Amino acid sequence: MADKDKPLSQWRSGDVRSINLRRKGSQRSRRKNKRLLGGTIRNGLVIAVLFLLDLTLGANCHAQPSTPDNYPNQTIKIITNVGVGGTYDILARALADELQKTLGKPVVVEPRPGGNFLLAGRACAEAAADGYTVCALTGETVVYSELLFKKVPFDSRKDFAPVSNLIFNTQLLVVSASLGVKSLDDLARVAKQRPLAYMSPGVVQRNYLEEFNRKHGTDIVSVPFKGGADAITSMLNGTTPVIFLGGANFVPYIADSTVVGLAVDGRQRSPLFPDVPTIYELGQTSTMPRNWFGLFVPAATPRPIIDRLYGAVAAIMTEPTFRQRNLIARGLEPIGDTPEQFARYIEEDRLDCARAVEEAGLKPQ
């Protein structure tokens, strides 16, 4: 029979003493366990507080506001509105490499092509205005979007702050050498004899060729392509013998006389094609909007950070090796103007592009 089941009258003094000892031992064990448990809880609370304090201090260290003194203190992202591998993408990556050296922090390029050039614009407008998102955009996003589309997910006047226009991309009007054409007059003569197909992705360049048709009574028909590479292939096989596209695409083909350059869209001849006249030399009277590629940041970005970015970019753009290798040799006209100069140019470009869109008879979709 267990002690706990015995009647009290049958308990002996030894049993009582044994029970008391066990009871005291149990009490001591409970007090010890309580002390241990209390210590464990206190230690756990201390550790938890220290952990949270460490997280808070760490977050504060990483969340320091960007100022001219500590900017940049993390990775900078350049959002572009063009696909991988093209002229502008190559330039953006070359610039990112040099900015990384100059600023001492990683600079990465994030292409956002598609959506009629609107995806990159929306990403830029929605980004934090802290200097860690820079946007490399073309006129299609900044200027033409408001002229061609009824609904645009940003307002380029209010959402973007100009940093610098990097370049003008000289556009070159070329024909296949198989046509036997050496000038615009020759082109008009051949095009009167038979229809010709042409490719140009730009509104301005298409306008120029449509005006050419009206002036000369020719029938040079626009043919759509997914990209310049496909169009050049079509030109080389004689299917699309006329193209108005970025001059850098044609350097090797002009060198081996596969194609013939007829005109460039700038007011000055291109160093790559010194023998090709400008459209103004050939009688163009109205201003033709040009293809440009510039840097922006979200509009609320502090001006000292914009100045820091512009200073770094301007130094890179004027460095002789970078300028020759990444700009001039690719048929790009270096600009590198100030934020104020770029802002003024964009307003002028808006007027010229609005006229071009009106002349083309295009309505917002």
Protein backbone atom coordinates (compact mmCIF):
# COMPACT_ATOMS: atom_id res chain seq x y z
CA MET A 1 0.00 0.00 0.00
CA ALA A 2 1.41 3.39 -0.95
CA ASP A 3 1.98 5.92 1.85
CA LYS A 4 -0.58 8.24 0.45
CA ASP A 5 -3.25 5.51 0.78
CA LYS A 6 -2.53 4.67 4.48
CA PRO A 7 -4.94 5.83 7.20
CA LEU A 8 -3.38 8.55 9.33
CA SER A 9 -3.47 6.17 12.42
CA GLN A 10 -1.11 3.71 10.72
CA TRP A 11 1.56 6.30 9.85
CA ARG A 12 4.81 6.05 11.75
CA SER A 13 7.02 8.94 12.75
CA GLY A 14 9.61 7.80 10.21
CA ASP A 15 7.00 7.89 7.49
CA VAL A 16 6.03 11.45 8.45
CA ARG A 17 9.70 12.51 8.61
CA SER A 18 10.31 10.93 5.18
CA ILE A 19 7.30 12.66 3.73
CA ASN A 20 8.39 15.98 5.22
CA LEU A 21 11.87 15.54 3.74
CA ARG A 22 10.42 14.73 0.37
CA ARG A 23 8.08 17.70 0.67
CA LYS A 24 10.95 20.04 1.57
CA GLY A 25 12.99 18.60 -1.30
CA SER A 26 10.11 19.19 -3.68
CA GLN A 27 9.73 22.75 -2.41
CA ARG A 28 13.44 23.38 -2.89
CA SER A 29 13.23 21.91 -6.41
CA ARG A 30 10.25 24.10 -7.24
CA ARG A 31 12.04 27.20 -5.94
CA LYS A 32 15.17 26.27 -7.94
CA ASN A 33 13.14 25.62 -11.08
CA LYS A 34 11.34 28.91 -10.58
CA ARG A 35 14.66 30.72 -10.25
CA LEU A 36 15.96 29.00 -13.37
CA LEU A 37 12.79 29.71 -15.32
CA GLY A 38 12.82 33.35 -14.24
CA GLY A 39 16.42 33.67 -15.29
CA THR A 40 15.69 32.07 -18.62
CA ILE A 41 12.78 34.44 -19.25
CA ARG A 42 14.83 37.46 -18.19
CA ASN A 43 17.72 36.37 -20.38
CA GLY A 44 15.33 35.78 -23.30
CA LEU A 45 13.82 39.23 -22.87
CA VAL A 46 17.26 40.83 -22.78
CA ILE A 47 18.32 38.96 -25.92
CA ALA A 48 15.09 39.92 -27.70
CA VAL A 49 15.52 43.60 -26.76
CA LEU A 50 19.13 43.58 -27.92
CA PHE A 51 18.11 41.88 -31.18
CA LEU A 52 15.41 44.46 -31.87
CA LEU A 53 17.79 47.27 -30.97
CA ASP A 54 20.37 45.86 -33.37
CA LEU A 55 17.79 45.67 -36.16
CA THR A 56 16.70 49.24 -35.47
CA LEU A 57 20.24 50.59 -35.43
CA GLY A 58 21.09 48.60 -38.58
CA ALA A 59 18.03 49.89 -40.38
CA ASN A 60 18.90 53.45 -39.38
CA CYS A 61 22.42 52.98 -40.70
CA HIS A 62 21.13 51.84 -44.09
CA ALA A 63 18.32 54.37 -44.25
CA GLN A 64 20.43 57.51 -43.94
CA PRO A 65 19.07 60.23 -46.20
CA SER A 66 21.09 60.87 -49.35
CA THR A 67 22.99 64.14 -49.26
CA PRO A 68 25.91 65.51 -51.27
CA ASP A 69 28.14 64.24 -48.46
CA ASN A 70 27.06 60.59 -48.41
CA TYR A 71 25.44 60.07 -51.84
CA PRO A 72 25.55 57.43 -53.09
CA ASN A 73 25.65 54.90 -50.27
CA GLN A 74 23.98 51.99 -52.10
CA THR A 75 23.39 50.53 -55.57
CA ILE A 76 22.09 52.85 -58.29
CA LYS A 77 19.67 51.47 -60.88
CA ILE A 78 19.38 52.85 -64.42
CA ILE A 79 15.99 52.05 -65.97
CA THR A 80 15.95 52.18 -69.77
CA ASN A 81 13.03 52.11 -72.22
CA VAL A 82 14.94 50.02 -74.78
CA GLY A 83 15.71 46.33 -75.21
CA VAL A 84 19.00 44.54 -74.65
CA GLY A 85 21.71 44.73 -77.28
CA GLY A 86 20.71 47.87 -79.16
CA THR A 87 22.68 51.09 -79.55
CA TYR A 88 21.09 52.78 -76.52
CA ASP A 89 21.41 49.70 -74.31
CA ILE A 90 25.12 49.44 -75.12
CA LEU A 91 25.60 53.12 -74.30
CA ALA A 92 23.68 52.82 -71.01
CA ARG A 93 25.84 49.90 -69.89
CA ALA A 94 29.08 51.67 -70.85
CA LEU A 95 27.94 54.72 -68.88
CA ALA A 96 26.96 52.54 -65.90
CA ASP A 97 30.44 50.98 -65.81
CA GLU A 98 32.06 54.40 -65.71
CA LEU A 99 29.61 55.78 -63.15
CA GLN A 100 30.41 52.84 -60.89
CA LYS A 101 34.08 53.79 -60.99
CA THR A 102 33.34 57.46 -60.41
CA LEU A 103 30.73 57.14 -57.65
CA GLY A 104 32.21 54.10 -55.92
CA LYS A 105 28.94 52.13 -55.75
CA PRO A 106 27.42 49.49 -58.06
CA VAL A 107 25.41 50.83 -60.98
CA VAL A 108 23.13 48.36 -62.76
CA VAL A 109 21.02 48.69 -65.92
CA GLU A 110 17.42 47.46 -65.91
CA PRO A 111 15.78 47.41 -69.36
CA ARG A 112 12.02 48.07 -69.39
CA PRO A 113 11.13 47.92 -73.11
CA GLY A 114 7.65 47.47 -74.50
CA GLY A 115 4.28 49.01 -73.94
CA ASN A 116 4.92 51.66 -76.60
CA PHE A 117 7.81 52.94 -74.44
CA LEU A 118 5.41 53.58 -71.55
CA LEU A 119 6.56 50.85 -69.13
CA ALA A 120 9.86 52.53 -68.36
CA GLY A 121 8.18 55.90 -67.95
CA ARG A 122 5.74 54.52 -65.40
CA ALA A 123 8.55 52.79 -63.49
CA CYS A 124 10.48 56.05 -63.39
CA ALA A 125 7.49 58.09 -62.23
CA GLU A 126 6.71 55.59 -59.44
CA ALA A 127 10.29 55.20 -58.18
CA ALA A 128 11.53 56.74 -54.95
CA ALA A 129 13.00 60.21 -55.47
CA ASP A 130 16.23 59.42 -53.65
CA GLY A 131 18.79 59.35 -56.45
CA TYR A 132 18.99 55.56 -56.61
CA THR A 133 16.73 55.28 -59.64
CA VAL A 134 17.99 57.01 -62.78
CA CYS A 135 16.00 56.79 -66.00
CA ALA A 136 17.59 56.68 -69.46
CA LEU A 137 14.75 57.56 -71.82
CA THR A 138 14.10 58.59 -75.40
CA GLY A 139 11.70 61.11 -76.86
CA GLU A 140 9.14 58.35 -77.47
CA THR A 141 8.56 58.17 -73.69
CA VAL A 142 9.04 61.78 -72.69
CA VAL A 143 7.55 63.67 -75.65
CA TYR A 144 5.67 61.50 -78.14
CA SER A 145 3.68 59.54 -75.54
CA GLU A 146 1.43 62.50 -74.75
CA LEU A 147 0.91 63.18 -78.46
CA LEU A 148 0.11 59.63 -79.53
CA PHE A 149 -1.85 58.15 -76.61
CA LYS A 150 -4.95 59.32 -74.76
CA LYS A 151 -4.02 57.51 -71.56
CA VAL A 152 -0.44 57.74 -70.32
CA PRO A 153 0.42 56.40 -66.82
CA PHE A 154 2.62 59.41 -65.98
CA ASP A 155 3.03 63.11 -66.67
CA SER A 156 6.51 63.68 -68.05
CA ARG A 157 6.38 67.39 -67.18
CA LYS A 158 5.55 66.75 -63.52
CA ASP A 159 7.05 63.33 -62.85
CA PHE A 160 10.54 63.62 -64.41
CA ALA A 161 13.45 65.93 -63.62
CA PRO A 162 16.03 66.23 -66.45
CA VAL A 163 19.65 65.44 -65.65
CA SER A 164 21.38 65.54 -69.04
CA ASN A 165 20.77 64.77 -72.69
CA LEU A 166 23.49 62.27 -73.53
CA ILE A 167 23.40 62.15 -77.32
CA PHE A 168 21.65 62.70 -80.58
CA ASN A 169 21.42 59.52 -82.62
CA THR A 170 22.12 60.60 -86.18
CA GLN A 171 19.59 59.01 -88.53
CA LEU A 172 20.83 58.00 -91.97
CA LEU A 173 18.71 57.58 -95.10
CA VAL A 174 20.25 54.71 -97.06
CA VAL A 175 19.41 52.64 -100.12
CA SER A 176 20.59 49.29 -101.33
CA ALA A 177 23.49 49.63 -103.79
CA SER A 178 21.56 47.33 -106.13
CA LEU A 179 19.20 50.24 -106.94
CA GLY A 180 21.98 52.17 -108.62
CA VAL A 181 20.94 55.30 -106.69
CA LYS A 182 23.48 57.94 -105.64
CA SER A 183 21.25 60.89 -104.65
CA LEU A 184 17.70 61.88 -103.70
CA ASP A 185 17.06 62.86 -107.31
CA ASP A 186 18.12 59.38 -108.38
CA LEU A 187 15.79 57.89 -105.78
CA ALA A 188 12.88 59.94 -107.13
CA ARG A 189 13.62 58.79 -110.67
CA VAL A 190 13.73 55.09 -109.74
CA ALA A 191 10.69 55.30 -107.44
CA LYS A 192 8.62 56.77 -110.28
CA GLN A 193 9.39 53.73 -112.38
CA ARG A 194 8.34 51.15 -109.79
CA PRO A 195 7.07 51.04 -106.18
CA LEU A 196 9.71 50.72 -103.48
CA ALA A 197 9.41 49.59 -99.87
CA TYR A 198 10.98 51.52 -97.01
CA MET A 199 11.40 51.01 -93.27
CA SER A 200 11.70 53.63 -90.54
CA PRO A 201 10.49 53.31 -86.94
CA GLY A 202 10.43 57.06 -86.30
CA VAL A 203 7.41 59.31 -86.89
CA VAL A 204 9.69 62.12 -88.10
CA GLN A 205 11.56 59.98 -90.61
CA ARG A 206 8.33 58.50 -91.97
CA ASN A 207 6.98 62.02 -92.38
CA TYR A 208 10.06 62.97 -94.37
CA LEU A 209 9.60 60.09 -96.80
CA GLU A 210 5.85 60.68 -97.12
CA GLU A 211 6.59 64.31 -97.95
CA PHE A 212 9.14 63.05 -100.46
CA ASN A 213 6.36 61.02 -102.10
CA ARG A 214 4.06 64.03 -102.31
CA LYS A 215 6.80 66.27 -103.68
CA HIS A 216 8.01 63.87 -106.36
CA GLY A 217 4.86 61.89 -107.13
CA THR A 218 6.53 58.65 -106.04
CA ASP A 219 5.17 55.60 -104.22
CA ILE A 220 7.67 54.54 -101.56
CA VAL A 221 5.63 52.38 -99.18
CA SER A 222 6.26 51.93 -95.46
CA VAL A 223 6.75 48.31 -94.34
CA PRO A 224 6.70 47.45 -90.60
CA PHE A 225 9.45 45.36 -88.98
CA LYS A 226 10.01 44.09 -85.45
CA GLY A 227 13.40 45.77 -85.33
CA GLY A 228 16.26 47.33 -87.23
CA ALA A 229 18.18 44.07 -87.62
CA ASP A 230 15.29 42.45 -89.52
CA ALA A 231 14.93 45.51 -91.72
CA ILE A 232 18.63 45.57 -92.59
CA THR A 233 18.48 41.89 -93.55
CA SER A 234 15.53 42.70 -95.81
CA MET A 235 17.46 45.59 -97.33
CA LEU A 236 20.51 43.44 -98.03
CA ASN A 237 18.42 40.88 -99.92
CA GLY A 238 16.74 43.65 -101.92
CA THR A 239 13.22 43.30 -100.50
CA THR A 240 13.20 46.63 -98.62
CA PRO A 241 15.77 48.77 -100.43
CA VAL A 242 15.15 52.05 -98.56
CA ILE A 243 15.75 52.57 -94.82
CA PHE A 244 15.88 55.68 -92.60
CA LEU A 245 17.49 54.47 -89.36
CA GLY A 246 20.31 55.10 -86.89
CA GLY A 247 23.55 55.61 -88.81
CA ALA A 248 25.62 53.30 -86.60
CA ASN A 249 23.75 50.35 -88.10
CA PHE A 250 25.26 50.97 -91.52
CA VAL A 251 28.95 51.65 -90.89
CA PRO A 252 30.20 48.27 -92.20
CA TYR A 253 27.77 48.24 -95.13
CA ILE A 254 28.76 51.68 -96.34
CA ALA A 255 32.42 50.75 -95.94
CA ASP A 256 32.02 47.77 -98.30
CA SER A 257 29.64 49.69 -100.65
CA THR A 258 26.71 47.36 -99.94
CA VAL A 259 24.51 50.38 -99.22
CA VAL A 260 24.64 54.05 -100.19
CA GLY A 261 24.00 56.91 -97.78
CA LEU A 262 21.80 59.68 -99.18
CA ALA A 263 21.22 62.05 -96.24
CA VAL A 264 21.62 62.50 -92.49
CA ASP A 265 19.10 64.25 -90.26
CA GLY A 266 21.43 66.57 -88.36
CA ARG A 267 22.37 70.12 -89.24
CA GLN A 268 25.99 69.05 -89.44
CA ARG A 269 27.46 66.12 -91.32
CA SER A 270 28.29 63.03 -89.32
CA PRO A 271 31.99 62.31 -88.69
CA LEU A 272 31.20 58.69 -89.62
CA PHE A 273 29.77 59.71 -92.99
CA PRO A 274 31.49 62.96 -93.99
CA ASP A 275 30.51 62.55 -97.65
CA VAL A 276 26.79 62.24 -96.92
CA PRO A 277 24.95 65.60 -97.00
CA THR A 278 22.43 66.73 -94.40
CA ILE A 279 18.74 67.00 -95.22
CA TYR A 280 19.09 70.77 -94.79
CA GLU A 281 21.77 70.93 -97.45
CA LEU A 282 19.30 69.10 -99.68
CA GLY A 283 16.47 71.57 -99.19
CA GLN A 284 14.78 70.71 -95.87
CA THR A 285 13.38 73.98 -94.50
CA SER A 286 11.43 73.09 -91.32
CA THR A 287 13.15 71.79 -88.21
CA MET A 288 13.18 68.01 -88.03
CA PRO A 289 12.98 66.61 -84.48
CA ARG A 290 15.96 64.43 -83.71
CA ASN A 291 16.38 61.11 -81.91
CA TRP A 292 17.88 61.70 -78.48
CA PHE A 293 18.67 59.64 -75.37
CA GLY A 294 18.81 61.39 -72.00
CA LEU A 295 18.92 60.88 -68.26
CA PHE A 296 16.11 61.74 -65.85
CA VAL A 297 15.29 61.13 -62.20
CA PRO A 298 11.92 61.18 -60.39
CA ALA A 299 10.84 64.81 -60.08
CA ALA A 300 11.16 65.17 -56.30
CA THR A 301 14.82 64.11 -56.26
CA PRO A 302 16.82 66.72 -54.29
CA ARG A 303 18.71 69.15 -56.50
CA PRO A 304 22.11 68.47 -54.84
CA ILE A 305 21.80 64.83 -55.89
CA ILE A 306 20.85 65.82 -59.44
CA ASP A 307 23.94 68.04 -59.52
CA ARG A 308 26.10 65.17 -58.23
CA LEU A 309 24.80 62.88 -60.97
CA TYR A 310 25.19 65.50 -63.67
CA GLY A 311 28.76 66.27 -62.63
CA ALA A 312 29.72 62.60 -62.80
CA VAL A 313 28.01 62.12 -66.19
CA ALA A 314 29.50 65.29 -67.68
CA ALA A 315 33.02 64.19 -66.71
CA ILE A 316 32.49 60.80 -68.35
CA MET A 317 30.99 62.27 -71.51
CA THR A 318 33.99 64.53 -72.04
CA GLU A 319 36.61 61.86 -71.38
CA PRO A 320 38.32 61.39 -74.79
CA THR A 321 38.51 57.59 -74.85
CA PHE A 322 34.93 57.08 -73.71
CA ARG A 323 33.71 59.76 -76.10
CA GLN A 324 35.44 58.23 -79.12
CA ARG A 325 34.78 54.56 -78.38
CA ASN A 326 31.20 54.68 -77.12
CA LEU A 327 29.78 57.70 -78.93
CA ILE A 328 31.51 58.96 -82.05
CA ALA A 329 32.56 55.52 -83.28
CA ARG A 330 28.93 54.40 -82.98
CA GLY A 331 27.53 57.30 -84.98
CA LEU A 332 26.25 59.12 -81.88
CA GLU A 333 26.60 62.87 -81.50
CA PRO A 334 27.77 63.67 -77.94
CA ILE A 335 25.75 66.32 -76.08
CA GLY A 336 26.00 66.13 -72.27
CA ASP A 337 24.11 69.35 -71.60
CA THR A 338 23.10 70.71 -68.18
CA PRO A 339 19.72 70.00 -66.53
CA GLU A 340 18.53 73.49 -67.49
CA GLN A 341 19.67 73.17 -71.10
CA PHE A 342 18.03 69.77 -71.39
CA ALA A 343 14.76 71.08 -69.95
CA ARG A 344 14.69 73.92 -72.49
CA TYR A 345 15.47 71.54 -75.33
CA ILE A 346 12.61 69.20 -74.35
CA GLU A 347 10.11 72.07 -74.47
CA GLU A 348 11.33 73.02 -77.95
CA ASP A 349 11.20 69.37 -78.99
CA ARG A 350 7.59 69.12 -77.84
CA LEU A 351 6.61 71.87 -80.27
CA ASP A 352 8.51 70.29 -83.18
CA CYS A 353 7.14 66.83 -82.46
CA ALA A 354 3.58 68.13 -82.16
CA ARG A 355 3.96 69.67 -85.61
CA ALA A 356 5.37 66.40 -86.99
CA VAL A 357 2.50 64.38 -85.55
CA GLU A 358 -0.05 66.83 -86.95
CA GLU A 359 1.57 66.73 -90.39
CA ALA A 360 1.44 62.95 -90.28
CA GLY A 361 -2.28 63.09 -89.51
CA LEU A 362 -1.85 60.99 -86.37
CA LYS A 363 -4.49 61.09 -83.65
CA PRO A 364 -4.09 59.95 -80.03
CA GLN A 365 -5.15 56.34 -79.65
